[in-house]
């Protein structure tokens, strides 16, 4: 994790965001990006391991989301199951009717709040 997270820091420092409490809170322009890597909703079941037993579930689950309506940007924090359980941050910006990935990185653990994410990003970036 390094300079590629500078846009995440700038997003969080603006503090003009609202928290998404569910996938249904996310803006429609993210739909095509979320189709590429489907997410289970916050707290919903997802595919924790590599072995599939029963119903096929999304491999990832949303932990938190932050939406800046004025800048048309969304920061997602999610976890992914499998052999190597991972946690990720992804910042998207609206482009036309869709969205583009602005910044993304794996993070070492689940982060509880936007302040926790900012603290982690600050500790990783060189000023």
C-alpha atoms as a PDB file:
ATOM      1  CA  UNK A   1       0.000   0.000   0.000  1.00  0.00           C
ATOM      2  CA  UNK A   2       1.446   3.357  -0.923  1.00  0.00           C
ATOM      3  CA  UNK A   3       0.860   6.395  -3.094  1.00  0.00           C
ATOM      4  CA  UNK A   4      -2.006   4.761  -5.001  1.00  0.00           C
ATOM      5  CA  UNK A   5      -4.141   5.431  -1.898  1.00  0.00           C
ATOM      6  CA  UNK A   6      -3.637   9.207  -1.963  1.00  0.00           C
ATOM      7  CA  UNK A   7      -7.084   9.681  -3.630  1.00  0.00           C
ATOM      8  CA  UNK A   8      -8.636   7.672  -0.749  1.00  0.00           C
ATOM      9  CA  UNK A   9      -6.992  10.022   1.752  1.00  0.00           C
ATOM     10  CA  UNK A  10      -8.288  13.070  -0.135  1.00  0.00           C
ATOM     11  CA  UNK A  11     -11.782  11.558  -0.278  1.00  0.00           C
ATOM     12  CA  UNK A  12     -11.872  10.928   3.482  1.00  0.00           C
ATOM     13  CA  UNK A  13     -10.362  14.297   4.387  1.00  0.00           C
ATOM     14  CA  UNK A  14     -13.153  16.114   2.537  1.00  0.00           C
ATOM     15  CA  UNK A  15     -15.561  14.596   5.087  1.00  0.00           C
ATOM     16  CA  UNK A  16     -18.433  15.338   2.707  1.00  0.00           C
ATOM     17  CA  UNK A  17     -19.517  11.723   2.549  1.00  0.00           C
ATOM     18  CA  UNK A  18     -22.441   9.772   3.901  1.00  0.00           C
ATOM     19  CA  UNK A  19     -22.243   6.171   5.014  1.00  0.00           C
ATOM     20  CA  UNK A  20     -23.928   3.404   3.025  1.00  0.00           C
ATOM     21  CA  UNK A  21     -25.790   1.031   5.332  1.00  0.00           C
ATOM     22  CA  UNK A  22     -26.577  -1.446   2.545  1.00  0.00           C
ATOM     23  CA  UNK A  23     -25.796  -2.221  -1.085  1.00  0.00           C
ATOM     24  CA  UNK A  24     -29.141  -0.604  -1.913  1.00  0.00           C
ATOM     25  CA  UNK A  25     -27.728   2.741  -0.690  1.00  0.00           C
ATOM     26  CA  UNK A  26     -25.019   2.733  -3.375  1.00  0.00           C
ATOM     27  CA  UNK A  27     -25.547   4.916  -6.456  1.00  0.00           C
ATOM     28  CA  UNK A  28     -26.865   3.310  -9.641  1.00  0.00           C
ATOM     29  CA  UNK A  29     -23.728   4.289 -11.588  1.00  0.00           C
ATOM     30  CA  UNK A  30     -21.803   1.580  -9.646  1.00  0.00           C
ATOM     31  CA  UNK A  31     -24.040  -1.233 -10.934  1.00  0.00           C
ATOM     32  CA  UNK A  32     -21.813  -2.245 -13.854  1.00  0.00           C
ATOM     33  CA  UNK A  33     -18.716  -2.353 -11.619  1.00  0.00           C
ATOM     34  CA  UNK A  34     -20.505  -4.443  -8.999  1.00  0.00           C
ATOM     35  CA  UNK A  35     -21.648  -6.912 -11.677  1.00  0.00           C
ATOM     36  CA  UNK A  36     -17.963  -7.640 -12.419  1.00  0.00           C
ATOM     37  CA  UNK A  37     -17.332  -8.644  -8.801  1.00  0.00           C
ATOM     38  CA  UNK A  38     -20.643  -9.247  -7.021  1.00  0.00           C
ATOM     39  CA  UNK A  39     -20.779  -8.364  -3.340  1.00  0.00           C
ATOM     40  CA  UNK A  40     -22.975  -9.754  -0.597  1.00  0.00           C
ATOM     41  CA  UNK A  41     -24.642  -7.087   1.514  1.00  0.00           C
ATOM     42  CA  UNK A  42     -23.305  -5.994   4.893  1.00  0.00           C
ATOM     43  CA  UNK A  43     -23.780  -8.881   7.316  1.00  0.00           C
ATOM     44  CA  UNK A  44     -25.120 -11.271   4.647  1.00  0.00           C
ATOM     45  CA  UNK A  45     -23.652 -14.715   3.957  1.00  0.00           C
ATOM     46  CA  UNK A  46     -20.878 -14.937   1.367  1.00  0.00           C
ATOM     47  CA  UNK A  47     -18.407 -17.566   0.133  1.00  0.00           C
ATOM     48  CA  UNK A  48     -15.910 -17.610   3.004  1.00  0.00           C
ATOM     49  CA  UNK A  49     -13.747 -20.477   1.740  1.00  0.00           C
ATOM     50  CA  UNK A  50     -12.676 -22.094  -1.512  1.00  0.00           C
ATOM     51  CA  UNK A  51     -14.969 -25.112  -1.192  1.00  0.00           C
ATOM     52  CA  UNK A  52     -18.527 -24.581  -2.364  1.00  0.00           C
ATOM     53  CA  UNK A  53     -21.192 -26.526  -0.520  1.00  0.00           C
ATOM     54  CA  UNK A  54     -24.787 -25.803  -1.318  1.00  0.00           C
ATOM     55  CA  UNK A  55     -25.823 -22.453  -2.728  1.00  0.00           C
ATOM     56  CA  UNK A  56     -23.240 -20.481  -4.715  1.00  0.00           C
ATOM     57  CA  UNK A  57     -22.686 -17.168  -2.905  1.00  0.00           C
ATOM     58  CA  UNK A  58     -20.748 -14.017  -3.807  1.00  0.00           C
ATOM     59  CA  UNK A  59     -17.037 -14.337  -3.055  1.00  0.00           C
ATOM     60  CA  UNK A  60     -16.964 -10.893  -1.398  1.00  0.00           C
ATOM     61  CA  UNK A  61     -19.026  -9.016   1.189  1.00  0.00           C
ATOM     62  CA  UNK A  62     -19.405  -5.282   1.713  1.00  0.00           C
ATOM     63  CA  UNK A  63     -18.143  -4.126   5.113  1.00  0.00           C
ATOM     64  CA  UNK A  64     -18.762  -0.403   4.668  1.00  0.00           C
ATOM     65  CA  UNK A  65     -19.369   2.172   1.989  1.00  0.00           C
ATOM     66  CA  UNK A  66     -18.939   5.935   1.877  1.00  0.00           C
ATOM     67  CA  UNK A  67     -20.635   8.120  -0.739  1.00  0.00           C
ATOM     68  CA  UNK A  68     -19.693  11.685  -1.698  1.00  0.00           C
ATOM     69  CA  UNK A  69     -22.665  12.819  -3.763  1.00  0.00           C
ATOM     70  CA  UNK A  70     -21.156  16.189  -4.717  1.00  0.00           C
ATOM     71  CA  UNK A  71     -17.913  14.663  -6.063  1.00  0.00           C
ATOM     72  CA  UNK A  72     -19.761  11.593  -7.405  1.00  0.00           C
ATOM     73  CA  UNK A  73     -17.322   9.234  -5.708  1.00  0.00           C
ATOM     74  CA  UNK A  74     -17.829   6.082  -3.643  1.00  0.00           C
ATOM     75  CA  UNK A  75     -15.369   4.330  -1.342  1.00  0.00           C
ATOM     76  CA  UNK A  76     -16.036   0.638  -0.680  1.00  0.00           C
ATOM     77  CA  UNK A  77     -14.410  -1.497   2.022  1.00  0.00           C
ATOM     78  CA  UNK A  78     -15.072  -5.208   1.580  1.00  0.00           C
ATOM     79  CA  UNK A  79     -13.764  -8.641   2.457  1.00  0.00           C
ATOM     80  CA  UNK A  80     -13.225 -11.590   0.144  1.00  0.00           C
ATOM     81  CA  UNK A  81     -13.186 -15.255   1.024  1.00  0.00           C
ATOM     82  CA  UNK A  82     -11.106 -18.040  -0.375  1.00  0.00           C
ATOM     83  CA  UNK A  83      -7.740 -19.585   0.403  1.00  0.00           C
ATOM     84  CA  UNK A  84      -6.375 -16.149   1.346  1.00  0.00           C
ATOM     85  CA  UNK A  85      -9.040 -14.107   3.131  1.00  0.00           C
ATOM     86  CA  UNK A  86      -8.491 -10.482   2.092  1.00  0.00           C
ATOM     87  CA  UNK A  87      -9.777  -7.006   2.876  1.00  0.00           C
ATOM     88  CA  UNK A  88      -9.880  -4.297   0.213  1.00  0.00           C
ATOM     89  CA  UNK A  89     -10.516  -0.613  -0.336  1.00  0.00           C
ATOM     90  CA  UNK A  90     -11.778   0.638  -3.693  1.00  0.00           C
ATOM     91  CA  UNK A  91     -12.550   4.227  -4.652  1.00  0.00           C
ATOM     92  CA  UNK A  92     -14.810   4.748  -7.679  1.00  0.00           C
ATOM     93  CA  UNK A  93     -15.705   7.936  -9.539  1.00  0.00           C
ATOM     94  CA  UNK A  94     -18.730   8.426 -11.762  1.00  0.00           C
ATOM     95  CA  UNK A  95     -17.907   8.613 -15.462  1.00  0.00           C
ATOM     96  CA  UNK A  96     -20.871   9.055 -17.781  1.00  0.00           C
ATOM     97  CA  UNK A  97     -23.524   6.546 -16.753  1.00  0.00           C
ATOM     98  CA  UNK A  98     -20.947   4.241 -15.141  1.00  0.00           C
ATOM     99  CA  UNK A  99     -17.933   4.387 -12.860  1.00  0.00           C
ATOM    100  CA  UNK A 100     -14.178   3.973 -13.052  1.00  0.00           C
ATOM    101  CA  UNK A 101     -11.816   2.647 -10.419  1.00  0.00           C
ATOM    102  CA  UNK A 102      -9.713   5.550  -9.112  1.00  0.00           C
ATOM    103  CA  UNK A 103      -7.744   3.749  -6.402  1.00  0.00           C
ATOM    104  CA  UNK A 104      -7.656   0.352  -4.807  1.00  0.00           C
ATOM    105  CA  UNK A 105      -5.571  -1.659  -2.404  1.00  0.00           C
ATOM    106  CA  UNK A 106      -5.630  -4.594  -0.050  1.00  0.00           C
ATOM    107  CA  UNK A 107      -5.582  -3.653   3.628  1.00  0.00           C
ATOM    108  CA  UNK A 108      -4.448  -5.843   6.538  1.00  0.00           C
ATOM    109  CA  UNK A 109      -7.795  -6.130   8.334  1.00  0.00           C
ATOM    110  CA  UNK A 110     -11.403  -5.036   8.561  1.00  0.00           C
ATOM    111  CA  UNK A 111     -11.677  -1.348   9.439  1.00  0.00           C
ATOM    112  CA  UNK A 112     -14.617  -0.147  11.492  1.00  0.00           C
ATOM    113  CA  UNK A 113     -15.059   3.439  10.294  1.00  0.00           C
ATOM    114  CA  UNK A 114     -13.971   6.080   7.824  1.00  0.00           C
ATOM    115  CA  UNK A 115     -11.686   7.460  10.564  1.00  0.00           C
ATOM    116  CA  UNK A 116     -10.016   4.037  10.906  1.00  0.00           C
ATOM    117  CA  UNK A 117      -9.489   3.870   7.144  1.00  0.00           C
ATOM    118  CA  UNK A 118      -8.008   7.394   7.131  1.00  0.00           C
ATOM    119  CA  UNK A 119      -5.688   6.457  10.017  1.00  0.00           C
ATOM    120  CA  UNK A 120      -4.416   3.421   8.109  1.00  0.00           C
ATOM    121  CA  UNK A 121      -3.964   5.382   4.880  1.00  0.00           C
ATOM    122  CA  UNK A 122      -2.126   8.185   6.728  1.00  0.00           C
ATOM    123  CA  UNK A 123       0.239   5.659   8.311  1.00  0.00           C
ATOM    124  CA  UNK A 124       1.101   4.253   4.872  1.00  0.00           C
ATOM    125  CA  UNK A 125       1.585   7.461   2.887  1.00  0.00           C
ATOM    126  CA  UNK A 126       4.760   9.526   2.890  1.00  0.00           C
ATOM    127  CA  UNK A 127       4.173  13.255   3.114  1.00  0.00           C
END
